[in-house]
Amino acid sequence: MRHFHSTLATLLLAAGASSCSLDSLFNSCPRDQVCVDGTAQFFSFEGGFWAVRGDDNVTYDPIDGLPEDFRQSGLRVRLRARVRHDVGSFHMAGPIVDIISIRKLP
């Protein structure tokens, strides 16, 4: 048990000293998903739709649209999604995604 506590303390110290956060250590993004911070935006072309413009400069187009609570231009969000390579869209804004989770950022 003592070894466990010292190992945990070492891990926490290393995480604090590095550029990554504990959140990224324990909640890394699975390989088959996209995890990105971004901004909710309304795009007026092709009939209009809501999407997330990621900080990675990619526009993520949710297959079912953004949930109502996130339809605020400029709202900062953290998005976890799965890219859908098996469907198409006439929006042509970026990859189509299924939202796994989305939350507002402070």
Protein backbone atom coordinates (compact mmCIF):
# COMPACT_ATOMS: atom_id res chain seq x y z
CA MET A 1 0.00 0.00 0.00
CA ARG A 2 2.87 2.37 0.81
CA HIS A 3 4.33 1.70 -2.64
CA PHE A 4 0.98 2.59 -4.24
CA HIS A 5 0.81 5.94 -2.44
CA SER A 6 4.38 6.88 -3.35
CA THR A 7 3.76 5.89 -6.97
CA LEU A 8 0.57 7.95 -7.06
CA ALA A 9 2.35 10.93 -5.49
CA THR A 10 5.14 10.67 -8.07
CA LEU A 11 2.62 10.52 -10.90
CA LEU A 12 0.76 13.56 -9.61
CA LEU A 13 3.97 15.54 -9.20
CA ALA A 14 5.11 14.60 -12.69
CA ALA A 15 1.76 15.63 -14.13
CA GLY A 16 1.91 18.96 -12.34
CA ALA A 17 5.41 19.63 -13.59
CA SER A 18 4.67 18.69 -17.18
CA SER A 19 2.69 20.63 -19.76
CA CYS A 20 -0.18 18.12 -19.71
CA SER A 21 -3.01 18.19 -17.22
CA LEU A 22 -4.40 15.44 -15.01
CA ASP A 23 -7.51 15.59 -17.17
CA SER A 24 -5.49 14.60 -20.23
CA LEU A 25 -3.62 11.88 -18.31
CA PHE A 26 -6.73 10.10 -17.09
CA ASN A 27 -9.22 10.99 -19.83
CA SER A 28 -7.24 10.67 -23.06
CA CYS A 29 -9.19 10.53 -26.28
CA PRO A 30 -9.72 7.04 -27.73
CA ARG A 31 -8.18 6.46 -31.14
CA ASP A 32 -11.55 6.12 -32.87
CA GLN A 33 -12.80 9.48 -31.57
CA VAL A 34 -12.11 13.18 -31.93
CA CYS A 35 -11.70 15.26 -28.78
CA VAL A 36 -11.45 18.99 -29.36
CA ASP A 37 -12.18 22.34 -27.80
CA GLY A 38 -13.96 24.71 -30.12
CA THR A 39 -16.67 27.27 -30.72
CA ALA A 40 -20.32 26.70 -31.62
CA GLN A 41 -21.20 28.49 -34.85
CA PHE A 42 -24.19 28.87 -37.12
CA PHE A 43 -23.38 28.46 -40.80
CA SER A 44 -25.93 30.08 -43.10
CA PHE A 45 -25.09 28.20 -46.31
CA GLU A 46 -26.92 25.06 -47.51
CA GLY A 47 -30.05 25.90 -45.54
CA GLY A 48 -28.22 26.77 -42.33
CA PHE A 49 -26.86 24.48 -39.62
CA TRP A 50 -25.01 24.50 -36.30
CA ALA A 51 -21.53 23.02 -36.01
CA VAL A 52 -18.40 23.24 -33.89
CA ARG A 53 -15.37 25.03 -35.28
CA GLY A 54 -12.51 23.30 -33.48
CA ASP A 55 -9.41 25.04 -32.22
CA ASP A 56 -7.67 22.71 -34.70
CA ASN A 57 -9.33 24.76 -37.53
CA VAL A 58 -11.63 21.88 -38.48
CA THR A 59 -15.41 22.32 -38.62
CA TYR A 60 -17.22 19.34 -37.07
CA ASP A 61 -20.72 18.87 -38.48
CA PRO A 62 -22.90 16.87 -36.04
CA ILE A 63 -25.10 14.40 -37.90
CA ASP A 64 -28.10 15.30 -35.71
CA GLY A 65 -27.11 18.95 -35.26
CA LEU A 66 -26.01 20.58 -32.04
CA PRO A 67 -28.24 20.06 -29.01
CA GLU A 68 -30.52 23.05 -28.35
CA ASP A 69 -28.55 24.18 -25.27
CA PHE A 70 -25.40 24.56 -27.38
CA ARG A 71 -26.91 26.63 -30.21
CA GLN A 72 -25.27 29.90 -29.17
CA SER A 73 -22.82 31.56 -31.55
CA GLY A 74 -19.45 31.92 -29.90
CA LEU A 75 -20.15 29.40 -27.13
CA ARG A 76 -16.94 27.62 -26.14
CA VAL A 77 -17.36 23.85 -25.92
CA ARG A 78 -15.42 20.64 -25.45
CA LEU A 79 -16.54 18.04 -27.98
CA ARG A 80 -15.97 14.30 -28.02
CA ALA A 81 -17.27 12.72 -31.22
CA ARG A 82 -16.89 9.85 -33.63
CA VAL A 83 -16.24 10.73 -37.27
CA ARG A 84 -18.76 9.12 -39.62
CA HIS A 85 -17.01 8.07 -42.80
CA ASP A 86 -20.09 6.11 -43.90
CA VAL A 87 -22.43 9.07 -44.44
CA GLY A 88 -22.44 12.18 -46.60
CA SER A 89 -23.86 15.66 -46.29
CA PHE A 90 -24.56 18.55 -48.60
CA HIS A 91 -23.10 20.98 -46.02
CA MET A 92 -19.54 20.22 -47.16
CA ALA A 93 -18.22 22.08 -44.09
CA GLY A 94 -16.08 19.37 -42.55
CA PRO A 95 -16.28 15.86 -41.18
CA ILE A 96 -19.68 14.59 -40.14
CA VAL A 97 -19.66 13.40 -36.54
CA ASP A 98 -21.80 11.64 -33.98
CA ILE A 99 -21.58 13.55 -30.71
CA ILE A 100 -20.54 11.31 -27.83
CA SER A 101 -20.34 14.16 -25.33
CA ILE A 102 -20.32 17.91 -25.39
CA ARG A 103 -19.97 20.36 -22.55
CA LYS A 104 -19.69 24.09 -22.12
CA LEU A 105 -16.28 25.48 -21.25
CA PRO A 106 -15.89 28.26 -18.69
